Structure formats: C-alpha cells, structure tokens
Amino acid sequence: GYSSLVLGDLAYAHPSQARFSSQFHALSVLHK
C-alpha cells in the first residue's frame, strides 16, 4: 500500500515496470 499510494513509480527500478499492463483476462490467466 505504501509503495502504491505514496511512492508510485519511485518504488520501481524503472518506471516502465510500474506501468506494465495489468488488465485481467480470465481465460488468459486460467491458461497461465
């Protein structure tokens, strides 16, 4: 929670990691 709400992108080594797409697709997740 602290990393997400306070640090934001600063919590990650590189901002691209924080902005990685995290949309939930049920079939894709089930397959994985």
All heavy atoms as atom14 arrays in JSON, in Angstrom:
{
  "sequence": "GYSSLVLGDLAYAHPSQARFSSQFHALSVLHK",
  "atom14_mask": [
    [1, 1, 1, 1, 0, 0, 0, 0, 0, 0, 0, 0, 0, 0],
    [1, 1, 1, 1, 1, 1, 1, 1, 1, 1, 1, 1, 0, 0],
    [1, 1, 1, 1, 1, 1, 0, 0, 0, 0, 0, 0, 0, 0],
    [1, 1, 1, 1, 1, 1, 0, 0, 0, 0, 0, 0, 0, 0],
    [1, 1, 1, 1, 1, 1, 1, 1, 0, 0, 0, 0, 0, 0],
    [1, 1, 1, 1, 1, 1, 1, 0, 0, 0, 0, 0, 0, 0],
    [1, 1, 1, 1, 1, 1, 1, 1, 0, 0, 0, 0, 0, 0],
    [1, 1, 1, 1, 0, 0, 0, 0, 0, 0, 0, 0, 0, 0],
    [1, 1, 1, 1, 1, 1, 1, 1, 0, 0, 0, 0, 0, 0],
    [1, 1, 1, 1, 1, 1, 1, 1, 0, 0, 0, 0, 0, 0],
    [1, 1, 1, 1, 1, 0, 0, 0, 0, 0, 0, 0, 0, 0],
    [1, 1, 1, 1, 1, 1, 1, 1, 1, 1, 1, 1, 0, 0],
    [1, 1, 1, 1, 1, 0, 0, 0, 0, 0, 0, 0, 0, 0],
    [1, 1, 1, 1, 1, 1, 1, 1, 1, 1, 0, 0, 0, 0],
    [1, 1, 1, 1, 1, 1, 1, 0, 0, 0, 0, 0, 0, 0],
    [1, 1, 1, 1, 1, 1, 0, 0, 0, 0, 0, 0, 0, 0],
    [1, 1, 1, 1, 1, 1, 1, 1, 1, 0, 0, 0, 0, 0],
    [1, 1, 1, 1, 1, 0, 0, 0, 0, 0, 0, 0, 0, 0],
    [1, 1, 1, 1, 1, 1, 1, 1, 1, 1, 1, 0, 0, 0],
    [1, 1, 1, 1, 1, 1, 1, 1, 1, 1, 1, 0, 0, 0],
    [1, 1, 1, 1, 1, 1, 0, 0, 0, 0, 0, 0, 0, 0],
    [1, 1, 1, 1, 1, 1, 0, 0, 0, 0, 0, 0, 0, 0],
    [1, 1, 1, 1, 1, 1, 1, 1, 1, 0, 0, 0, 0, 0],
    [1, 1, 1, 1, 1, 1, 1, 1, 1, 1, 1, 0, 0, 0],
    [1, 1, 1, 1, 1, 1, 1, 1, 1, 1, 0, 0, 0, 0],
    [1, 1, 1, 1, 1, 0, 0, 0, 0, 0, 0, 0, 0, 0],
    [1, 1, 1, 1, 1, 1, 1, 1, 0, 0, 0, 0, 0, 0],
    [1, 1, 1, 1, 1, 1, 0, 0, 0, 0, 0, 0, 0, 0],
    [1, 1, 1, 1, 1, 1, 1, 0, 0, 0, 0, 0, 0, 0],
    [1, 1, 1, 1, 1, 1, 1, 1, 0, 0, 0, 0, 0, 0],
    [1, 1, 1, 1, 1, 1, 1, 1, 1, 1, 0, 0, 0, 0],
    [1, 1, 1, 1, 1, 1, 1, 1, 1, 0, 0, 0, 0, 0]
  ],
  "atom14_positions": [
    [[0.82, -1.21, 0.0], [0.0, 0.0, 0.0], [0.85, 1.26, 0.0], [0.56, 2.21, -0.74], [0.0, 0.0, 0.0], [0.0, 0.0, 0.0], [0.0, 0.0, 0.0], [0.0, 0.0, 0.0], [0.0, 0.0, 0.0], [0.0, 0.0, 0.0], [0.0, 0.0, 0.0], [0.0, 0.0, 0.0], [0.0, 0.0, 0.0], [0.0, 0.0, 0.0]],
    [[1.89, 1.28, 0.8], [2.8, 2.43, 0.86], [3.48, 2.64, -0.49], [3.58, 3.78, -0.98], [3.84, 2.22, 1.95], [4.88, 3.29, 2.03], [4.6, 4.52, 2.62], [6.16, 3.08, 1.52], [5.56, 5.52, 2.69], [7.13, 4.07, 1.58], [6.83, 5.28, 2.17], [7.79, 6.26, 2.23], [0.0, 0.0, 0.0], [0.0, 0.0, 0.0]],
    [[3.93, 1.56, -1.1], [4.6, 1.66, -2.39], [3.66, 2.19, -3.46], [4.05, 3.01, -4.31], [5.15, 0.29, -2.81], [6.1, -0.17, -1.88], [0.0, 0.0, 0.0], [0.0, 0.0, 0.0], [0.0, 0.0, 0.0], [0.0, 0.0, 0.0], [0.0, 0.0, 0.0], [0.0, 0.0, 0.0], [0.0, 0.0, 0.0], [0.0, 0.0, 0.0]],
    [[2.41, 1.73, -3.42], [1.45, 2.12, -4.45], [0.94, 3.54, -4.26], [0.89, 4.33, -5.21], [0.29, 1.13, -4.46], [-0.71, 1.52, -5.37], [0.0, 0.0, 0.0], [0.0, 0.0, 0.0], [0.0, 0.0, 0.0], [0.0, 0.0, 0.0], [0.0, 0.0, 0.0], [0.0, 0.0, 0.0], [0.0, 0.0, 0.0], [0.0, 0.0, 0.0]],
    [[0.56, 3.88, -3.02], [-0.11, 5.16, -2.77], [0.86, 6.32, -2.54], [0.54, 7.46, -2.88], [-1.03, 5.02, -1.55], [-2.14, 3.96, -1.67], [-2.91, 3.85, -0.37], [-3.08, 4.3, -2.83], [0.0, 0.0, 0.0], [0.0, 0.0, 0.0], [0.0, 0.0, 0.0], [0.0, 0.0, 0.0], [0.0, 0.0, 0.0], [0.0, 0.0, 0.0]],
    [[2.02, 6.02, -1.98], [2.97, 7.09, -1.64], [4.12, 7.17, -2.64], [4.4, 8.24, -3.18], [3.51, 6.88, -0.2], [4.53, 7.97, 0.13], [2.38, 6.87, 0.8], [0.0, 0.0, 0.0], [0.0, 0.0, 0.0], [0.0, 0.0, 0.0], [0.0, 0.0, 0.0], [0.0, 0.0, 0.0], [0.0, 0.0, 0.0], [0.0, 0.0, 0.0]],
    [[4.78, 6.05, -2.88], [5.96, 6.08, -3.74], [5.61, 6.08, -5.22], [6.27, 6.72, -6.02], [6.85, 4.87, -3.41], [7.43, 4.82, -1.99], [8.28, 3.57, -1.82], [8.25, 6.07, -1.7], [0.0, 0.0, 0.0], [0.0, 0.0, 0.0], [0.0, 0.0, 0.0], [0.0, 0.0, 0.0], [0.0, 0.0, 0.0], [0.0, 0.0, 0.0]],
    [[4.56, 5.36, -5.59], [4.19, 5.28, -7.0], [5.29, 4.68, -7.84], [5.88, 3.66, -7.49], [0.0, 0.0, 0.0], [0.0, 0.0, 0.0], [0.0, 0.0, 0.0], [0.0, 0.0, 0.0], [0.0, 0.0, 0.0], [0.0, 0.0, 0.0], [0.0, 0.0, 0.0], [0.0, 0.0, 0.0], [0.0, 0.0, 0.0], [0.0, 0.0, 0.0]],
    [[5.63, 5.34, -8.97], [6.68, 4.84, -9.86], [8.04, 4.8, -9.19], [8.93, 4.05, -9.6], [6.77, 5.71, -11.12], [5.59, 5.48, -12.05], [4.73, 4.64, -11.72], [5.53, 6.13, -13.11], [0.0, 0.0, 0.0], [0.0, 0.0, 0.0], [0.0, 0.0, 0.0], [0.0, 0.0, 0.0], [0.0, 0.0, 0.0], [0.0, 0.0, 0.0]],
    [[8.24, 5.58, -8.14], [9.53, 5.61, -7.45], [9.82, 4.3, -6.73], [10.96, 4.04, -6.33], [9.56, 6.76, -6.43], [9.48, 8.18, -7.01], [9.43, 9.2, -5.88], [10.66, 8.44, -7.94], [0.0, 0.0, 0.0], [0.0, 0.0, 0.0], [0.0, 0.0, 0.0], [0.0, 0.0, 0.0], [0.0, 0.0, 0.0], [0.0, 0.0, 0.0]],
    [[8.82, 3.47, -6.55], [9.02, 2.18, -5.88], [9.71, 1.18, -6.78], [10.18, 0.14, -6.3], [7.68, 1.61, -5.42], [0.0, 0.0, 0.0], [0.0, 0.0, 0.0], [0.0, 0.0, 0.0], [0.0, 0.0, 0.0], [0.0, 0.0, 0.0], [0.0, 0.0, 0.0], [0.0, 0.0, 0.0], [0.0, 0.0, 0.0], [0.0, 0.0, 0.0]],
    [[9.82, 1.49, -8.07], [10.35, 0.52, -9.02], [11.71, 0.98, -9.55], [12.03, 2.16, -9.57], [9.38, 0.33, -10.2], [8.07, -0.28, -9.76], [7.04, 0.51, -9.26], [7.88, -1.65, -9.82], [5.84, -0.05, -8.83], [6.69, -2.23, -9.4], [5.68, -1.43, -8.91], [4.51, -1.98, -8.48], [0.0, 0.0, 0.0], [0.0, 0.0, 0.0]],
    [[12.49, -0.01, -10.01], [13.82, 0.3, -10.55], [13.7, 1.13, -11.82], [14.57, 1.93, -12.13], [14.59, -0.99, -10.83], [0.0, 0.0, 0.0], [0.0, 0.0, 0.0], [0.0, 0.0, 0.0], [0.0, 0.0, 0.0], [0.0, 0.0, 0.0], [0.0, 0.0, 0.0], [0.0, 0.0, 0.0], [0.0, 0.0, 0.0], [0.0, 0.0, 0.0]],
    [[12.62, 0.93, -12.53], [12.41, 1.66, -13.77], [10.91, 1.89, -13.93], [10.11, 0.97, -13.72], [12.95, 0.87, -14.97], [13.07, 1.69, -16.22], [12.05, 1.83, -17.11], [14.11, 2.41, -16.7], [12.45, 2.59, -18.12], [13.69, 2.96, -17.9], [0.0, 0.0, 0.0], [0.0, 0.0, 0.0], [0.0, 0.0, 0.0], [0.0, 0.0, 0.0]],
    [[10.48, 3.1, -14.29], [9.05, 3.41, -14.38], [8.28, 2.48, -15.31], [7.09, 2.25, -15.11], [9.02, 4.85, -14.91], [10.33, 5.43, -14.48], [11.31, 4.3, -14.54], [0.0, 0.0, 0.0], [0.0, 0.0, 0.0], [0.0, 0.0, 0.0], [0.0, 0.0, 0.0], [0.0, 0.0, 0.0], [0.0, 0.0, 0.0], [0.0, 0.0, 0.0]],
    [[8.93, 1.92, -16.32], [8.23, 1.02, -17.24], [7.68, -0.21, -16.53], [6.68, -0.78, -16.95], [9.17, 0.59, -18.37], [10.26, -0.16, -17.85], [0.0, 0.0, 0.0], [0.0, 0.0, 0.0], [0.0, 0.0, 0.0], [0.0, 0.0, 0.0], [0.0, 0.0, 0.0], [0.0, 0.0, 0.0], [0.0, 0.0, 0.0], [0.0, 0.0, 0.0]],
    [[8.34, -0.61, -15.44], [7.86, -1.77, -14.69], [6.53, -1.45, -14.0], [5.64, -2.29, -13.92], [8.91, -2.2, -13.67], [10.2, -2.72, -14.29], [11.22, -3.02, -13.23], [11.74, -2.13, -12.58], [11.53, -4.3, -13.06], [0.0, 0.0, 0.0], [0.0, 0.0, 0.0], [0.0, 0.0, 0.0], [0.0, 0.0, 0.0], [0.0, 0.0, 0.0]],
    [[6.42, -0.24, -13.46], [5.21, 0.15, -12.75], [4.03, 0.31, -13.71], [2.88, 0.08, -13.34], [5.44, 1.45, -11.99], [0.0, 0.0, 0.0], [0.0, 0.0, 0.0], [0.0, 0.0, 0.0], [0.0, 0.0, 0.0], [0.0, 0.0, 0.0], [0.0, 0.0, 0.0], [0.0, 0.0, 0.0], [0.0, 0.0, 0.0], [0.0, 0.0, 0.0]],
    [[4.34, 0.7, -14.94], [3.25, 0.97, -15.89], [2.96, -0.23, -16.78], [2.28, -0.11, -17.79], [3.62, 2.19, -16.74], [3.63, 3.49, -15.96], [3.67, 4.68, -16.89], [4.96, 4.81, -17.55], [5.94, 5.58, -17.11], [5.79, 6.24, -15.98], [7.08, 5.66, -17.75], [0.0, 0.0, 0.0], [0.0, 0.0, 0.0], [0.0, 0.0, 0.0]],
    [[3.47, -1.38, -16.43], [3.2, -2.6, -17.2], [1.71, -2.92, -17.13], [1.12, -2.89, -16.07], [4.02, -3.75, -16.63], [4.23, -4.88, -17.6], [5.42, -4.98, -18.3], [3.25, -5.82, -17.81], [5.63, -6.02, -19.19], [3.44, -6.87, -18.69], [4.64, -6.96, -19.39], [0.0, 0.0, 0.0], [0.0, 0.0, 0.0], [0.0, 0.0, 0.0]],
    [[1.13, -3.25, -18.27], [-0.31, -3.53, -18.33], [-0.69, -4.66, -17.39], [-0.06, -5.71, -17.36], [-0.71, -3.9, -19.77], [-2.05, -4.31, -19.82], [0.0, 0.0, 0.0], [0.0, 0.0, 0.0], [0.0, 0.0, 0.0], [0.0, 0.0, 0.0], [0.0, 0.0, 0.0], [0.0, 0.0, 0.0], [0.0, 0.0, 0.0], [0.0, 0.0, 0.0]],
    [[-1.75, -4.45, -16.62], [-2.21, -5.47, -15.67], [-3.71, -5.7, -15.77], [-4.39, -5.89, -14.79], [-1.84, -5.07, -14.23], [-0.45, -5.06, -14.06], [0.0, 0.0, 0.0], [0.0, 0.0, 0.0], [0.0, 0.0, 0.0], [0.0, 0.0, 0.0], [0.0, 0.0, 0.0], [0.0, 0.0, 0.0], [0.0, 0.0, 0.0], [0.0, 0.0, 0.0]],
    [[-4.24, -5.65, -16.99], [-5.66, -5.9, -17.18], [-5.96, -7.39, -17.02], [-5.21, -8.24, -17.5], [-6.1, -5.42, -18.57], [-5.98, -3.9, -18.74], [-6.46, -3.45, -20.12], [-6.74, -4.27, -20.98], [-6.55, -2.15, -20.29], [0.0, 0.0, 0.0], [0.0, 0.0, 0.0], [0.0, 0.0, 0.0], [0.0, 0.0, 0.0], [0.0, 0.0, 0.0]],
    [[-7.06, -7.67, -16.36], [-7.41, -9.05, -16.05], [-8.21, -9.66, -17.19], [-9.26, -9.15, -17.57], [-8.22, -9.11, -14.75], [-8.62, -10.51, -14.36], [-7.71, -11.33, -13.72], [-9.89, -11.0, -14.63], [-8.05, -12.62, -13.36], [-10.24, -12.28, -14.27], [-9.32, -13.1, -13.63], [0.0, 0.0, 0.0], [0.0, 0.0, 0.0], [0.0, 0.0, 0.0]],
    [[-7.68, -10.74, -17.75], [-8.39, -11.51, -18.79], [-8.51, -12.93, -18.26], [-7.5, -13.66, -18.18], [-7.63, -11.47, -20.11], [-7.47, -10.09, -20.68], [-8.52, -9.4, -21.25], [-6.4, -9.27, -20.72], [-8.09, -8.22, -21.66], [-6.8, -8.11, -21.34], [0.0, 0.0, 0.0], [0.0, 0.0, 0.0], [0.0, 0.0, 0.0], [0.0, 0.0, 0.0]],
    [[-9.72, -13.33, -17.93], [-9.93, -14.59, -17.22], [-9.34, -15.79, -17.94], [-8.62, -16.6, -17.34], [-11.43, -14.79, -16.99], [0.0, 0.0, 0.0], [0.0, 0.0, 0.0], [0.0, 0.0, 0.0], [0.0, 0.0, 0.0], [0.0, 0.0, 0.0], [0.0, 0.0, 0.0], [0.0, 0.0, 0.0], [0.0, 0.0, 0.0], [0.0, 0.0, 0.0]],
    [[-9.6, -15.93, -19.25], [-9.12, -17.09, -19.98], [-7.6, -17.1, -20.07], [-6.96, -18.16, -19.95], [-9.74, -17.12, -21.38], [-11.24, -17.44, -21.45], [-11.72, -17.42, -22.9], [-11.51, -18.81, -20.83], [0.0, 0.0, 0.0], [0.0, 0.0, 0.0], [0.0, 0.0, 0.0], [0.0, 0.0, 0.0], [0.0, 0.0, 0.0], [0.0, 0.0, 0.0]],
    [[-7.02, -15.92, -20.27], [-5.56, -15.83, -20.35], [-4.92, -16.22, -19.02], [-3.94, -16.97, -18.98], [-5.14, -14.41, -20.75], [-3.74, -14.28, -20.72], [0.0, 0.0, 0.0], [0.0, 0.0, 0.0], [0.0, 0.0, 0.0], [0.0, 0.0, 0.0], [0.0, 0.0, 0.0], [0.0, 0.0, 0.0], [0.0, 0.0, 0.0], [0.0, 0.0, 0.0]],
    [[-5.48, -15.71, -17.93], [-4.95, -16.02, -16.6], [-5.11, -17.51, -16.3], [-4.19, -18.16, -15.78], [-5.64, -15.17, -15.52], [-5.28, -15.66, -14.12], [-5.25, -13.7, -15.67], [0.0, 0.0, 0.0], [0.0, 0.0, 0.0], [0.0, 0.0, 0.0], [0.0, 0.0, 0.0], [0.0, 0.0, 0.0], [0.0, 0.0, 0.0], [0.0, 0.0, 0.0]],
    [[-6.28, -18.08, -16.65], [-6.52, -19.5, -16.41], [-5.53, -20.35, -17.19], [-4.99, -21.34, -16.67], [-7.95, -19.87, -16.81], [-8.35, -21.34, -16.63], [-8.23, -21.74, -15.16], [-9.76, -21.58, -17.15], [0.0, 0.0, 0.0], [0.0, 0.0, 0.0], [0.0, 0.0, 0.0], [0.0, 0.0, 0.0], [0.0, 0.0, 0.0], [0.0, 0.0, 0.0]],
    [[-5.27, -19.97, -18.43], [-4.3, -20.71, -19.25], [-2.91, -20.66, -18.61], [-2.21, -21.67, -18.55], [-4.25, -20.12, -20.66], [-3.21, -20.75, -21.55], [-1.91, -20.26, -21.64], [-3.25, -21.83, -22.36], [-1.22, -21.01, -22.46], [-2.0, -21.96, -22.92], [0.0, 0.0, 0.0], [0.0, 0.0, 0.0], [0.0, 0.0, 0.0], [0.0, 0.0, 0.0]],
    [[-2.51, -19.49, -18.13], [-1.2, -19.35, -17.48], [-1.13, -20.2, -16.21], [-0.1, -20.84, -15.94], [-0.95, -17.88, -17.13], [-0.77, -16.96, -18.32], [0.52, -17.23, -19.04], [0.72, -16.25, -20.19], [1.97, -16.55, -20.95], [0.0, 0.0, 0.0], [0.0, 0.0, 0.0], [0.0, 0.0, 0.0], [0.0, 0.0, 0.0], [0.0, 0.0, 0.0]]
  ]
}
